[in-house]
Amino acid sequence: MQLHRGIIIELKPDEAKARAILPAMDGMETDWLPVAQHWTHRGATYQMPRMDQQVYVIYAADHAADGLILASLYSQKHPVPTPKEGLEADSYFISTADGTKLHIKPGYVYISTPGDIEAEAKGTITASAAGAIHAETKSSLTAKAASSATVEAGSQATIKAPQITLDAPQVTITGALKVANDAVISGKSFLGHRHGGVMSGTSTTAVPV
């Protein structure tokens, strides 16, 4: 077995193979070689080197067709990444050319992308936190359920917006309702409406029947 440093010159992503040039072997170019992966059974990982990336190539004797592309190497041109939370011995970090980042280390997970994030499950998705959960968007927020939906709070729940619409054939309130201002019911002001058939003055109408 021989081990050489190589530089990636061609990729076959759909087959997880690549070709490299070996500067120490007078610029010899390898045949298509498999790129070593972490898992290939009972689940799989997939990671390919980039063009012009420095890698280790191991192959049998001088037979360039019988080889394997191993780990990639950091260099001055492509140094060790520097995520904002720093790297530790048990960190796991991935970044892509468009700036997408995944950083995992004990007690910390960070995901960032300039594009979309999609999560799909055939079963249940559960999000649980000992602390607060914050969700914020600079656009709209939509939650849709094909069946029932429940929002429950242990103390006070607040919905704040310039305007709120409850769009339902029927709304049921099981407790007391307090309105700080006027209420408009079927186009009539609750505070400013008038009753017909009542003599003006100090008289008052009877209770509703």
C-alpha atoms as a PDB file:
ATOM      1  CA  MET A   1       0.000   0.000   0.000  1.00  0.00           C
ATOM      2  CA  GLN A   2       1.163   3.507  -0.783  1.00  0.00           C
ATOM      3  CA  LEU A   3      -0.150   6.790   0.559  1.00  0.00           C
ATOM      4  CA  HIS A   4       0.111  10.031  -1.417  1.00  0.00           C
ATOM      5  CA  ARG A   5      -1.188  13.540  -1.294  1.00  0.00           C
ATOM      6  CA  GLY A   6      -3.393  14.401  -4.228  1.00  0.00           C
ATOM      7  CA  ILE A   7      -5.471  17.249  -5.623  1.00  0.00           C
ATOM      8  CA  ILE A   8      -9.014  16.617  -6.851  1.00  0.00           C
ATOM      9  CA  ILE A   9      -9.392  17.222 -10.595  1.00  0.00           C
ATOM     10  CA  GLU A  10     -12.758  15.590 -11.397  1.00  0.00           C
ATOM     11  CA  LEU A  11     -15.885  14.458  -9.559  1.00  0.00           C
ATOM     12  CA  LYS A  12     -18.704  11.932 -10.053  1.00  0.00           C
ATOM     13  CA  PRO A  13     -21.130  12.924  -7.276  1.00  0.00           C
ATOM     14  CA  ASP A  14     -23.802  10.350  -8.204  1.00  0.00           C
ATOM     15  CA  GLU A  15     -21.267   7.511  -7.762  1.00  0.00           C
ATOM     16  CA  ALA A  16     -19.296   9.057  -4.877  1.00  0.00           C
ATOM     17  CA  LYS A  17     -16.107   8.830  -6.942  1.00  0.00           C
ATOM     18  CA  ALA A  18     -13.370  11.272  -7.869  1.00  0.00           C
ATOM     19  CA  ARG A  19     -10.093  11.555  -9.740  1.00  0.00           C
ATOM     20  CA  ALA A  20      -6.952  13.190  -8.361  1.00  0.00           C
ATOM     21  CA  ILE A  21      -3.556  14.253  -9.603  1.00  0.00           C
ATOM     22  CA  LEU A  22      -0.561  13.078  -7.538  1.00  0.00           C
ATOM     23  CA  PRO A  23       2.196  15.733  -7.641  1.00  0.00           C
ATOM     24  CA  ALA A  24       4.757  13.454  -5.962  1.00  0.00           C
ATOM     25  CA  MET A  25       4.177  10.807  -8.653  1.00  0.00           C
ATOM     26  CA  ASP A  26       5.246  13.115 -11.492  1.00  0.00           C
ATOM     27  CA  GLY A  27       1.708  14.445 -11.864  1.00  0.00           C
ATOM     28  CA  MET A  28       0.124  11.017 -12.393  1.00  0.00           C
ATOM     29  CA  GLU A  29      -3.660  11.162 -12.619  1.00  0.00           C
ATOM     30  CA  THR A  30      -5.666   8.456 -10.890  1.00  0.00           C
ATOM     31  CA  ASP A  31      -8.555   6.582 -12.397  1.00  0.00           C
ATOM     32  CA  TRP A  32     -12.012   7.022 -10.881  1.00  0.00           C
ATOM     33  CA  LEU A  33     -11.613   6.121  -7.192  1.00  0.00           C
ATOM     34  CA  PRO A  34     -14.260   5.726  -4.500  1.00  0.00           C
ATOM     35  CA  VAL A  35     -14.374   8.433  -1.846  1.00  0.00           C
ATOM     36  CA  ALA A  36     -14.352   6.976   1.681  1.00  0.00           C
ATOM     37  CA  GLN A  37     -17.559   7.618   3.650  1.00  0.00           C
ATOM     38  CA  HIS A  38     -18.374   7.266   7.354  1.00  0.00           C
ATOM     39  CA  TRP A  39     -21.524   5.108   7.028  1.00  0.00           C
ATOM     40  CA  THR A  40     -22.828   3.009   4.132  1.00  0.00           C
ATOM     41  CA  HIS A  41     -25.031   0.455   5.982  1.00  0.00           C
ATOM     42  CA  ARG A  42     -28.219   0.911   8.051  1.00  0.00           C
ATOM     43  CA  GLY A  43     -28.264   4.575   7.187  1.00  0.00           C
ATOM     44  CA  ALA A  44     -25.659   6.488   5.244  1.00  0.00           C
ATOM     45  CA  THR A  45     -23.538   9.595   5.192  1.00  0.00           C
ATOM     46  CA  TYR A  46     -22.452  11.380   2.048  1.00  0.00           C
ATOM     47  CA  GLN A  47     -19.649  13.868   1.654  1.00  0.00           C
ATOM     48  CA  MET A  48     -17.605  14.678  -1.419  1.00  0.00           C
ATOM     49  CA  PRO A  49     -14.393  16.674  -1.736  1.00  0.00           C
ATOM     50  CA  ARG A  50     -14.382  19.882  -3.782  1.00  0.00           C
ATOM     51  CA  MET A  51     -12.503  20.605  -6.973  1.00  0.00           C
ATOM     52  CA  ASP A  52      -8.823  21.515  -6.335  1.00  0.00           C
ATOM     53  CA  GLN A  53      -9.119  20.186  -2.780  1.00  0.00           C
ATOM     54  CA  GLN A  54      -6.097  18.471  -1.245  1.00  0.00           C
ATOM     55  CA  VAL A  55      -6.723  14.866  -0.183  1.00  0.00           C
ATOM     56  CA  TYR A  56      -4.943  11.679   0.814  1.00  0.00           C
ATOM     57  CA  VAL A  57      -5.009   8.868  -1.754  1.00  0.00           C
ATOM     58  CA  ILE A  58      -4.150   5.297  -0.850  1.00  0.00           C
ATOM     59  CA  TYR A  59      -3.658   2.627  -3.499  1.00  0.00           C
ATOM     60  CA  ALA A  60      -2.025  -0.734  -4.010  1.00  0.00           C
ATOM     61  CA  ALA A  61       1.511  -0.584  -5.427  1.00  0.00           C
ATOM     62  CA  ASP A  62       1.612   1.484  -8.629  1.00  0.00           C
ATOM     63  CA  HIS A  63      -1.820   0.462  -9.831  1.00  0.00           C
ATOM     64  CA  ALA A  64      -3.740   3.713  -9.886  1.00  0.00           C
ATOM     65  CA  ALA A  65      -7.066   1.994 -10.627  1.00  0.00           C
ATOM     66  CA  ASP A  66      -6.993   0.132  -7.304  1.00  0.00           C
ATOM     67  CA  GLY A  67      -7.164   2.906  -4.759  1.00  0.00           C
ATOM     68  CA  LEU A  68      -9.252   4.961  -2.377  1.00  0.00           C
ATOM     69  CA  ILE A  69      -9.568   8.667  -1.653  1.00  0.00           C
ATOM     70  CA  LEU A  70      -9.328   9.217   2.081  1.00  0.00           C
ATOM     71  CA  ALA A  71      -9.585  12.308   4.262  1.00  0.00           C
ATOM     72  CA  SER A  72      -9.204  15.842   3.005  1.00  0.00           C
ATOM     73  CA  LEU A  73      -6.510  18.154   4.320  1.00  0.00           C
ATOM     74  CA  TYR A  74      -6.633  21.732   5.543  1.00  0.00           C
ATOM     75  CA  SER A  75      -4.103  24.125   4.037  1.00  0.00           C
ATOM     76  CA  GLN A  76      -3.183  27.824   4.007  1.00  0.00           C
ATOM     77  CA  LYS A  77      -5.567  28.283   1.103  1.00  0.00           C
ATOM     78  CA  HIS A  78      -8.334  26.307   2.843  1.00  0.00           C
ATOM     79  CA  PRO A  79      -7.727  26.666   6.609  1.00  0.00           C
ATOM     80  CA  VAL A  80      -9.547  25.159   9.583  1.00  0.00           C
ATOM     81  CA  PRO A  81     -13.027  26.764   9.802  1.00  0.00           C
ATOM     82  CA  THR A  82     -13.737  29.260  12.576  1.00  0.00           C
ATOM     83  CA  PRO A  83     -17.433  29.099  13.551  1.00  0.00           C
ATOM     84  CA  LYS A  84     -18.645  31.818  15.898  1.00  0.00           C
ATOM     85  CA  GLU A  85     -18.853  29.463  18.899  1.00  0.00           C
ATOM     86  CA  GLY A  86     -15.403  27.976  18.302  1.00  0.00           C
ATOM     87  CA  LEU A  87     -14.372  24.348  17.736  1.00  0.00           C
ATOM     88  CA  GLU A  88     -13.711  21.667  20.332  1.00  0.00           C
ATOM     89  CA  ALA A  89     -12.323  18.133  20.060  1.00  0.00           C
ATOM     90  CA  ASP A  90     -15.866  16.704  19.981  1.00  0.00           C
ATOM     91  CA  SER A  91     -17.315  19.327  17.612  1.00  0.00           C
ATOM     92  CA  TYR A  92     -19.015  18.410  14.341  1.00  0.00           C
ATOM     93  CA  PHE A  93     -19.080  21.196  11.757  1.00  0.00           C
ATOM     94  CA  ILE A  94     -20.232  21.372   8.126  1.00  0.00           C
ATOM     95  CA  SER A  95     -20.284  24.402   5.824  1.00  0.00           C
ATOM     96  CA  THR A  96     -21.155  24.663   2.131  1.00  0.00           C
ATOM     97  CA  ALA A  97     -20.150  27.094  -0.601  1.00  0.00           C
ATOM     98  CA  ASP A  98     -23.364  29.156  -0.252  1.00  0.00           C
ATOM     99  CA  GLY A  99     -22.773  29.784   3.460  1.00  0.00           C
ATOM    100  CA  THR A 100     -24.998  27.072   4.949  1.00  0.00           C
ATOM    101  CA  LYS A 101     -23.605  25.919   8.311  1.00  0.00           C
ATOM    102  CA  LEU A 102     -24.302  23.090  10.751  1.00  0.00           C
ATOM    103  CA  HIS A 103     -22.386  23.128  14.025  1.00  0.00           C
ATOM    104  CA  ILE A 104     -22.899  20.509  16.747  1.00  0.00           C
ATOM    105  CA  LYS A 105     -21.008  20.283  20.008  1.00  0.00           C
ATOM    106  CA  PRO A 106     -21.999  19.252  23.557  1.00  0.00           C
ATOM    107  CA  GLY A 107     -24.899  21.419  24.698  1.00  0.00           C
ATOM    108  CA  TYR A 108     -25.082  23.410  21.460  1.00  0.00           C
ATOM    109  CA  VAL A 109     -26.588  23.023  17.960  1.00  0.00           C
ATOM    110  CA  TYR A 110     -26.430  25.807  15.361  1.00  0.00           C
ATOM    111  CA  ILE A 111     -28.023  25.789  11.880  1.00  0.00           C
ATOM    112  CA  SER A 112     -27.789  28.696   9.441  1.00  0.00           C
ATOM    113  CA  THR A 113     -28.620  28.905   5.740  1.00  0.00           C
ATOM    114  CA  PRO A 114     -29.339  31.628   3.162  1.00  0.00           C
ATOM    115  CA  GLY A 115     -31.991  29.303   1.684  1.00  0.00           C
ATOM    116  CA  ASP A 116     -34.845  27.172   3.049  1.00  0.00           C
ATOM    117  CA  ILE A 117     -35.001  24.587   5.848  1.00  0.00           C
ATOM    118  CA  GLU A 118     -37.532  21.763   5.486  1.00  0.00           C
ATOM    119  CA  ALA A 119     -38.476  19.203   8.139  1.00  0.00           C
ATOM    120  CA  GLU A 120     -40.794  16.308   7.288  1.00  0.00           C
ATOM    121  CA  ALA A 121     -41.946  13.388   9.412  1.00  0.00           C
ATOM    122  CA  LYS A 122     -44.406  10.530   8.853  1.00  0.00           C
ATOM    123  CA  GLY A 123     -44.973  10.474  12.607  1.00  0.00           C
ATOM    124  CA  THR A 124     -44.935  13.167  15.295  1.00  0.00           C
ATOM    125  CA  ILE A 125     -42.586  16.154  15.575  1.00  0.00           C
ATOM    126  CA  THR A 126     -42.031  17.243  19.188  1.00  0.00           C
ATOM    127  CA  ALA A 127     -40.147  20.368  20.225  1.00  0.00           C
ATOM    128  CA  SER A 128     -39.444  20.624  23.952  1.00  0.00           C
ATOM    129  CA  ALA A 129     -37.234  23.013  25.905  1.00  0.00           C
ATOM    130  CA  ALA A 130     -36.523  23.609  29.590  1.00  0.00           C
ATOM    131  CA  GLY A 131     -36.204  27.306  28.745  1.00  0.00           C
ATOM    132  CA  ALA A 132     -38.162  29.593  26.449  1.00  0.00           C
ATOM    133  CA  ILE A 133     -38.885  28.900  22.773  1.00  0.00           C
ATOM    134  CA  HIS A 134     -38.719  31.925  20.465  1.00  0.00           C
ATOM    135  CA  ALA A 135     -40.023  32.000  16.883  1.00  0.00           C
ATOM    136  CA  GLU A 136     -39.530  35.180  14.840  1.00  0.00           C
ATOM    137  CA  THR A 137     -39.939  35.950  11.141  1.00  0.00           C
ATOM    138  CA  LYS A 138     -39.566  39.109   9.061  1.00  0.00           C
ATOM    139  CA  SER A 139     -42.423  37.866   6.859  1.00  0.00           C
ATOM    140  CA  SER A 140     -45.643  35.949   7.644  1.00  0.00           C
ATOM    141  CA  LEU A 141     -46.198  33.036  10.045  1.00  0.00           C
ATOM    142  CA  THR A 142     -48.686  30.271   9.212  1.00  0.00           C
ATOM    143  CA  ALA A 143     -49.750  27.262  11.268  1.00  0.00           C
ATOM    144  CA  LYS A 144     -52.327  24.882   9.764  1.00  0.00           C
ATOM    145  CA  ALA A 145     -53.891  21.708  11.162  1.00  0.00           C
ATOM    146  CA  ALA A 146     -56.043  19.283   9.167  1.00  0.00           C
ATOM    147  CA  SER A 147     -57.860  18.379  12.409  1.00  0.00           C
ATOM    148  CA  SER A 148     -58.103  20.224  15.730  1.00  0.00           C
ATOM    149  CA  ALA A 149     -55.616  22.755  17.111  1.00  0.00           C
ATOM    150  CA  THR A 150     -54.936  23.635  20.749  1.00  0.00           C
ATOM    151  CA  VAL A 151     -52.886  26.451  22.278  1.00  0.00           C
ATOM    152  CA  GLU A 152     -52.491  26.147  26.056  1.00  0.00           C
ATOM    153  CA  ALA A 153     -50.660  28.370  28.529  1.00  0.00           C
ATOM    154  CA  GLY A 154     -50.028  27.767  32.233  1.00  0.00           C
ATOM    155  CA  SER A 155     -50.667  31.433  33.078  1.00  0.00           C
ATOM    156  CA  GLN A 156     -51.447  34.360  30.770  1.00  0.00           C
ATOM    157  CA  ALA A 157     -51.623  34.173  26.954  1.00  0.00           C
ATOM    158  CA  THR A 158     -51.352  37.347  24.858  1.00  0.00           C
ATOM    159  CA  ILE A 159     -52.072  37.904  21.156  1.00  0.00           C
ATOM    160  CA  LYS A 160     -50.976  41.345  19.971  1.00  0.00           C
ATOM    161  CA  ALA A 161     -51.653  42.759  16.498  1.00  0.00           C
ATOM    162  CA  PRO A 162     -53.109  45.926  14.867  1.00  0.00           C
ATOM    163  CA  GLN A 163     -56.132  43.833  13.878  1.00  0.00           C
ATOM    164  CA  ILE A 164     -57.297  40.314  14.775  1.00  0.00           C
ATOM    165  CA  THR A 165     -59.952  38.332  12.882  1.00  0.00           C
ATOM    166  CA  LEU A 166     -61.664  35.241  14.293  1.00  0.00           C
ATOM    167  CA  ASP A 167     -63.085  33.533  11.205  1.00  0.00           C
ATOM    168  CA  ALA A 168     -65.473  30.803  12.387  1.00  0.00           C
ATOM    169  CA  PRO A 169     -69.239  30.073  12.144  1.00  0.00           C
ATOM    170  CA  GLN A 170     -69.348  30.059  15.946  1.00  0.00           C
ATOM    171  CA  VAL A 171     -67.029  31.261  18.721  1.00  0.00           C
ATOM    172  CA  THR A 172     -67.537  29.992  22.280  1.00  0.00           C
ATOM    173  CA  ILE A 173     -66.080  31.766  25.318  1.00  0.00           C
ATOM    174  CA  THR A 174     -66.346  29.648  28.453  1.00  0.00           C
ATOM    175  CA  GLY A 175     -65.357  32.389  30.944  1.00  0.00           C
ATOM    176  CA  ALA A 176     -65.981  36.078  31.476  1.00  0.00           C
ATOM    177  CA  LEU A 177     -65.226  38.485  28.599  1.00  0.00           C
ATOM    178  CA  LYS A 178     -63.782  41.908  29.397  1.00  0.00           C
ATOM    179  CA  VAL A 179     -63.744  44.567  26.661  1.00  0.00           C
ATOM    180  CA  ALA A 180     -61.686  47.706  27.393  1.00  0.00           C
ATOM    181  CA  ASN A 181     -63.297  49.734  24.597  1.00  0.00           C
ATOM    182  CA  ASP A 182     -66.430  49.601  22.497  1.00  0.00           C
ATOM    183  CA  ALA A 183     -67.745  46.471  20.784  1.00  0.00           C
ATOM    184  CA  VAL A 184     -69.514  46.491  17.412  1.00  0.00           C
ATOM    185  CA  ILE A 185     -72.192  43.792  17.095  1.00  0.00           C
ATOM    186  CA  SER A 186     -73.894  43.337  13.704  1.00  0.00           C
ATOM    187  CA  GLY A 187     -72.779  46.808  12.728  1.00  0.00           C
ATOM    188  CA  LYS A 188     -74.072  48.491  15.921  1.00  0.00           C
ATOM    189  CA  SER A 189     -71.905  50.062  18.604  1.00  0.00           C
ATOM    190  CA  PHE A 190     -72.471  48.473  22.012  1.00  0.00           C
ATOM    191  CA  LEU A 191     -71.754  51.754  23.813  1.00  0.00           C
ATOM    192  CA  GLY A 192     -73.269  54.185  21.298  1.00  0.00           C
ATOM    193  CA  HIS A 193     -76.379  52.366  20.041  1.00  0.00           C
ATOM    194  CA  ARG A 194     -79.898  53.700  20.595  1.00  0.00           C
ATOM    195  CA  HIS A 195     -83.211  52.059  21.540  1.00  0.00           C
ATOM    196  CA  GLY A 196     -86.465  52.957  19.803  1.00  0.00           C
ATOM    197  CA  GLY A 197     -89.792  53.334  21.591  1.00  0.00           C
ATOM    198  CA  VAL A 198     -88.252  54.864  24.720  1.00  0.00           C
ATOM    199  CA  MET A 199     -89.182  58.346  26.010  1.00  0.00           C
ATOM    200  CA  SER A 200     -86.158  60.587  26.245  1.00  0.00           C
ATOM    201  CA  GLY A 201     -85.105  61.803  29.657  1.00  0.00           C
ATOM    202  CA  THR A 202     -83.882  59.957  32.680  1.00  0.00           C
ATOM    203  CA  SER A 203     -85.817  56.783  31.943  1.00  0.00           C
ATOM    204  CA  THR A 204     -83.896  53.571  31.324  1.00  0.00           C
ATOM    205  CA  THR A 205     -84.830  50.469  29.406  1.00  0.00           C
ATOM    206  CA  ALA A 206     -85.626  47.220  31.104  1.00  0.00           C
ATOM    207  CA  VAL A 207     -83.171  44.373  31.287  1.00  0.00           C
ATOM    208  CA  PRO A 208     -82.840  42.252  28.107  1.00  0.00           C
ATOM    209  CA  VAL A 209     -85.568  39.630  27.596  1.00  0.00           C
END
